[in-house]
Amino acid sequence: MTFLSIADRDRLHSLSWYMSARQTALRSALSFRTPLSVTDLADMRVHYSGYFLNLLAATELFREKTTSWSNDFEAKLYARFVFDGFQDGKANYSYIRELRNAVIHRGLDIVSAAHVDGCFPMIYAEPKIQNRLRTETFFAFGKYLLNVIEKCELVIGPVMLDCLNAAGIFEAEIDTAAAVAEFREAIEQAHSIPKHFKEMALVMEFKPEWAVDAHNAAMAKLREALVPCNTTKSLAS
């Protein structure tokens, strides 16, 4: 039986957070309809930017190659992140990565141009993005930002899920003794818990099965976070 290390478990929790946050960001971004106020435009920019910030943070957890479940992520992603007219998966990934970098480091306004379809603002994708040194240029694999997002959703989450399944992550167990010790250490070190409440918590029995239940719930949440977002329904006015 495979056991997850605490470090691997924490990375999986981070992955779940990033992918859940990207769902929230996209859902919020796609909720806007015209007419748009100045505040609406600013909020829409934040949410579309947030989608890519969180999505790319999740991919980079895999690209660190510090875990057994991420070793072949890049190869699988590049092989599947290809589309009609855009057959270089590595270049396609580099486009969204440099798009994220431009948002973070250069203040790119990701919603600077659009046309209105009914009352839905169709944001144009930045046609091309350069790396920081301006030595490489990567091209959008869709006319609209939503086209790019739809293709990201089609591939990235499923590739992550394949990698996790191949590594047996969802069948792996946790070290319950270590989990109990970690709980007690967290209580002892928590600066926001009054001393008398800490004393009460530390004398309580922390049952190992509680840690197992919490882990299983976290893994179910991770599976849900990896599900591709349904962008079609979001377009309904």
Protein backbone atom coordinates (compact mmCIF):
# COMPACT_ATOMS: atom_id res chain seq x y z
CA MET A 1 0.00 0.00 0.00
CA THR A 2 1.29 3.44 -0.96
CA PHE A 3 1.44 6.13 1.72
CA LEU A 4 1.39 9.82 0.96
CA SER A 5 4.07 11.91 2.59
CA ILE A 6 2.95 15.04 4.39
CA ALA A 7 4.74 17.09 1.73
CA ASP A 8 2.87 15.33 -1.09
CA ARG A 9 -0.43 15.71 0.74
CA ASP A 10 0.20 19.44 1.19
CA ARG A 11 1.01 19.82 -2.52
CA LEU A 12 -2.22 18.03 -3.39
CA HIS A 13 -4.13 20.43 -1.14
CA SER A 14 -2.47 23.34 -2.95
CA LEU A 15 -3.38 21.81 -6.30
CA SER A 16 -6.98 21.47 -5.19
CA TRP A 17 -7.06 25.10 -4.06
CA TYR A 18 -5.61 26.46 -7.31
CA MET A 19 -7.96 24.45 -9.50
CA SER A 20 -10.99 25.33 -7.36
CA ALA A 21 -10.01 29.01 -7.44
CA ARG A 22 -9.71 28.87 -11.23
CA GLN A 23 -13.30 27.52 -11.37
CA THR A 24 -14.52 30.39 -9.21
CA ALA A 25 -12.59 32.98 -11.22
CA LEU A 26 -13.98 31.73 -14.53
CA ARG A 27 -17.53 31.49 -13.24
CA SER A 28 -17.29 35.07 -12.02
CA ALA A 29 -15.69 36.32 -15.24
CA LEU A 30 -18.40 34.80 -17.41
CA SER A 31 -21.22 36.30 -15.35
CA PHE A 32 -20.77 39.82 -16.73
CA ARG A 33 -23.23 41.25 -19.24
CA THR A 34 -23.50 44.61 -20.91
CA PRO A 35 -23.85 47.42 -20.18
CA LEU A 36 -20.68 47.36 -18.11
CA SER A 37 -19.72 50.00 -15.58
CA VAL A 38 -16.13 51.04 -14.92
CA THR A 39 -16.22 48.85 -11.82
CA ASP A 40 -17.58 45.93 -13.85
CA LEU A 41 -14.69 46.23 -16.30
CA ALA A 42 -12.14 46.26 -13.50
CA ASP A 43 -13.77 43.25 -11.81
CA MET A 44 -13.97 41.34 -15.08
CA ARG A 45 -10.27 41.97 -15.65
CA VAL A 46 -9.49 40.66 -12.16
CA HIS A 47 -11.51 37.47 -12.67
CA TYR A 48 -10.17 36.60 -16.15
CA SER A 49 -6.66 37.28 -14.86
CA GLY A 50 -7.39 35.14 -11.82
CA TYR A 51 -8.36 32.23 -14.04
CA PHE A 52 -4.92 32.11 -15.65
CA LEU A 53 -3.03 32.90 -12.44
CA ASN A 54 -4.56 29.92 -10.67
CA LEU A 55 -4.47 27.55 -13.65
CA LEU A 56 -0.78 28.21 -14.23
CA ALA A 57 0.01 27.95 -10.53
CA ALA A 58 -1.51 24.47 -10.66
CA THR A 59 0.48 23.41 -13.73
CA GLU A 60 3.68 24.63 -12.14
CA LEU A 61 3.12 22.36 -9.14
CA PHE A 62 3.41 19.51 -11.62
CA ARG A 63 6.31 21.05 -13.52
CA GLU A 64 8.43 21.22 -10.35
CA LYS A 65 9.01 17.47 -10.80
CA THR A 66 9.45 16.97 -7.06
CA THR A 67 6.85 14.22 -6.77
CA SER A 68 6.32 10.81 -8.31
CA TRP A 69 2.96 11.87 -9.72
CA SER A 70 4.33 14.75 -11.78
CA ASN A 71 7.24 13.16 -13.62
CA ASP A 72 5.57 12.76 -17.03
CA PHE A 73 3.17 15.70 -16.79
CA GLU A 74 4.98 17.93 -19.28
CA ALA A 75 5.27 15.22 -21.92
CA LYS A 76 1.58 14.32 -21.62
CA LEU A 77 0.51 17.95 -21.63
CA TYR A 78 2.57 18.92 -24.67
CA ALA A 79 1.35 15.83 -26.56
CA ARG A 80 -2.33 16.65 -25.95
CA PHE A 81 -2.29 20.45 -25.90
CA VAL A 82 -2.51 20.60 -29.70
CA PHE A 83 -5.31 21.93 -31.88
CA ASP A 84 -6.13 22.45 -35.55
CA GLY A 85 -3.57 24.89 -36.91
CA PHE A 86 -1.64 24.87 -33.61
CA GLN A 87 0.24 21.61 -33.46
CA ASP A 88 3.05 22.63 -31.09
CA GLY A 89 1.81 21.77 -27.61
CA LYS A 90 4.85 23.25 -25.91
CA ALA A 91 4.39 26.58 -27.73
CA ASN A 92 0.68 26.60 -26.87
CA TYR A 93 1.48 26.09 -23.20
CA SER A 94 4.16 28.79 -23.41
CA TYR A 95 1.52 31.20 -24.72
CA ILE A 96 -0.71 30.85 -21.66
CA ARG A 97 2.31 30.86 -19.34
CA GLU A 98 3.66 34.08 -20.83
CA LEU A 99 0.14 35.53 -20.83
CA ARG A 100 0.05 34.90 -17.08
CA ASN A 101 3.52 36.41 -16.71
CA ALA A 102 2.47 39.52 -18.64
CA VAL A 103 -0.54 39.94 -16.36
CA ILE A 104 1.56 39.60 -13.20
CA HIS A 105 4.79 41.35 -14.14
CA ARG A 106 3.78 43.82 -16.82
CA GLY A 107 0.20 44.69 -15.88
CA LEU A 108 -1.34 43.40 -19.10
CA ASP A 109 -5.02 44.31 -19.38
CA ILE A 110 -6.39 40.96 -20.41
CA VAL A 111 -9.84 42.40 -21.27
CA SER A 112 -8.71 45.45 -23.24
CA ALA A 113 -10.59 44.56 -26.46
CA ALA A 114 -13.92 42.87 -27.08
CA HIS A 115 -17.06 42.80 -29.13
CA VAL A 116 -20.51 42.15 -27.77
CA ASP A 117 -22.40 38.99 -28.70
CA GLY A 118 -25.96 39.69 -27.62
CA CYS A 119 -25.15 41.12 -24.23
CA PHE A 120 -22.09 38.94 -23.58
CA PRO A 121 -18.64 40.61 -23.92
CA MET A 122 -16.47 38.40 -26.14
CA ILE A 123 -12.94 39.29 -25.10
CA TYR A 124 -10.30 39.12 -27.82
CA ALA A 125 -7.27 36.99 -26.94
CA GLU A 126 -3.94 38.80 -27.02
CA PRO A 127 -2.77 37.76 -30.53
CA LYS A 128 0.84 37.19 -29.53
CA ILE A 129 2.88 37.28 -26.35
CA GLN A 130 6.64 37.57 -25.94
CA ASN A 131 8.76 36.22 -23.13
CA ARG A 132 10.40 38.60 -20.69
CA LEU A 133 13.61 38.86 -22.71
CA ARG A 134 11.62 39.36 -25.94
CA THR A 135 13.58 36.55 -27.55
CA GLU A 136 10.56 34.32 -28.22
CA THR A 137 7.04 34.99 -29.43
CA PHE A 138 4.03 32.76 -28.85
CA PHE A 139 0.70 33.01 -30.62
CA ALA A 140 -2.87 32.70 -29.38
CA PHE A 141 -4.54 29.42 -30.37
CA GLY A 142 -7.95 31.07 -30.56
CA LYS A 143 -9.39 34.41 -31.65
CA TYR A 144 -11.20 35.02 -28.39
CA LEU A 145 -10.00 34.55 -24.84
CA LEU A 146 -12.90 32.16 -24.29
CA ASN A 147 -11.63 30.01 -27.19
CA VAL A 148 -8.27 29.75 -25.43
CA ILE A 149 -9.94 28.96 -22.11
CA GLU A 150 -12.16 26.27 -23.64
CA LYS A 151 -9.07 24.52 -25.02
CA CYS A 152 -7.28 24.80 -21.69
CA GLU A 153 -10.29 23.21 -20.00
CA LEU A 154 -10.42 20.45 -22.58
CA VAL A 155 -6.87 19.31 -21.83
CA ILE A 156 -5.18 20.51 -18.65
CA GLY A 157 -7.41 19.15 -15.88
CA PRO A 158 -7.79 15.75 -17.58
CA VAL A 159 -4.01 15.45 -18.02
CA MET A 160 -3.54 16.20 -14.32
CA LEU A 161 -6.14 13.60 -13.42
CA ASP A 162 -4.44 11.01 -15.63
CA CYS A 163 -1.11 11.65 -13.91
CA LEU A 164 -2.64 11.34 -10.45
CA ASN A 165 -4.51 8.15 -11.37
CA ALA A 166 -1.40 6.62 -12.90
CA ALA A 167 0.48 7.25 -9.65
CA GLY A 168 -2.32 5.74 -7.56
CA ILE A 169 -2.78 8.97 -5.62
CA PHE A 170 -6.48 8.47 -4.93
CA GLU A 171 -5.87 4.98 -3.54
CA ALA A 172 -2.89 6.03 -1.40
CA GLU A 173 -3.27 6.16 2.37
CA ILE A 174 -1.97 8.63 4.91
CA ASP A 175 0.12 7.95 7.98
CA THR A 176 -2.52 8.42 10.67
CA ALA A 177 0.04 8.58 13.49
CA ALA A 178 1.83 11.41 11.69
CA ALA A 179 -1.51 13.12 11.07
CA VAL A 180 -2.37 13.03 14.77
CA ALA A 181 1.07 14.39 15.68
CA GLU A 182 0.69 17.12 13.07
CA PHE A 183 -2.69 18.11 14.54
CA ARG A 184 -1.23 18.45 18.01
CA GLU A 185 1.74 20.43 16.72
CA ALA A 186 -0.59 22.78 14.84
CA ILE A 187 -2.61 23.40 18.02
CA GLU A 188 0.52 24.05 20.06
CA GLN A 189 1.95 26.51 17.54
CA ALA A 190 -1.27 28.34 16.68
CA HIS A 191 -0.86 31.97 17.74
CA SER A 192 -4.58 32.75 17.41
CA ILE A 193 -5.85 30.14 19.90
CA PRO A 194 -6.01 31.25 23.55
CA LYS A 195 -3.90 29.17 25.93
CA HIS A 196 -6.84 27.65 27.83
CA PHE A 197 -8.48 26.52 24.57
CA LYS A 198 -5.20 24.94 23.48
CA GLU A 199 -5.07 23.01 26.74
CA MET A 200 -8.62 21.77 26.22
CA ALA A 201 -7.90 20.71 22.64
CA LEU A 202 -4.71 18.89 23.51
CA VAL A 203 -6.35 16.68 26.13
CA MET A 204 -9.10 15.64 23.74
CA GLU A 205 -8.75 12.35 21.93
CA PHE A 206 -8.02 12.84 18.24
CA LYS A 207 -9.15 9.64 16.57
CA PRO A 208 -7.05 8.44 13.61
CA GLU A 209 -10.19 7.74 11.57
CA TRP A 210 -10.95 11.46 11.67
CA ALA A 211 -7.74 12.10 9.76
CA VAL A 212 -8.69 9.42 7.23
CA ASP A 213 -12.16 10.93 6.75
CA ALA A 214 -10.67 14.39 6.30
CA HIS A 215 -8.19 13.07 3.74
CA ASN A 216 -10.87 11.22 1.78
CA ALA A 217 -13.00 14.37 1.70
CA ALA A 218 -10.01 16.36 0.47
CA MET A 219 -9.36 13.87 -2.33
CA ALA A 220 -13.02 14.01 -3.40
CA LYS A 221 -12.75 17.80 -3.50
CA LEU A 222 -9.59 17.51 -5.61
CA ARG A 223 -11.38 15.30 -8.13
CA GLU A 224 -14.16 17.89 -8.38
CA ALA A 225 -11.63 20.69 -8.85
CA LEU A 226 -10.05 18.91 -11.83
CA VAL A 227 -13.34 18.63 -13.72
CA PRO A 228 -13.36 20.88 -16.83
CA CYS A 229 -15.44 24.02 -16.45
CA ASN A 230 -18.59 24.19 -18.59
CA THR A 231 -18.15 27.45 -20.46
CA THR A 232 -21.08 26.89 -22.83
CA LYS A 233 -23.76 27.14 -20.15
CA SER A 234 -22.09 30.24 -18.76
CA LEU A 235 -22.77 32.04 -22.02
CA ALA A 236 -26.54 31.76 -21.69
CA SER A 237 -27.99 35.23 -21.16
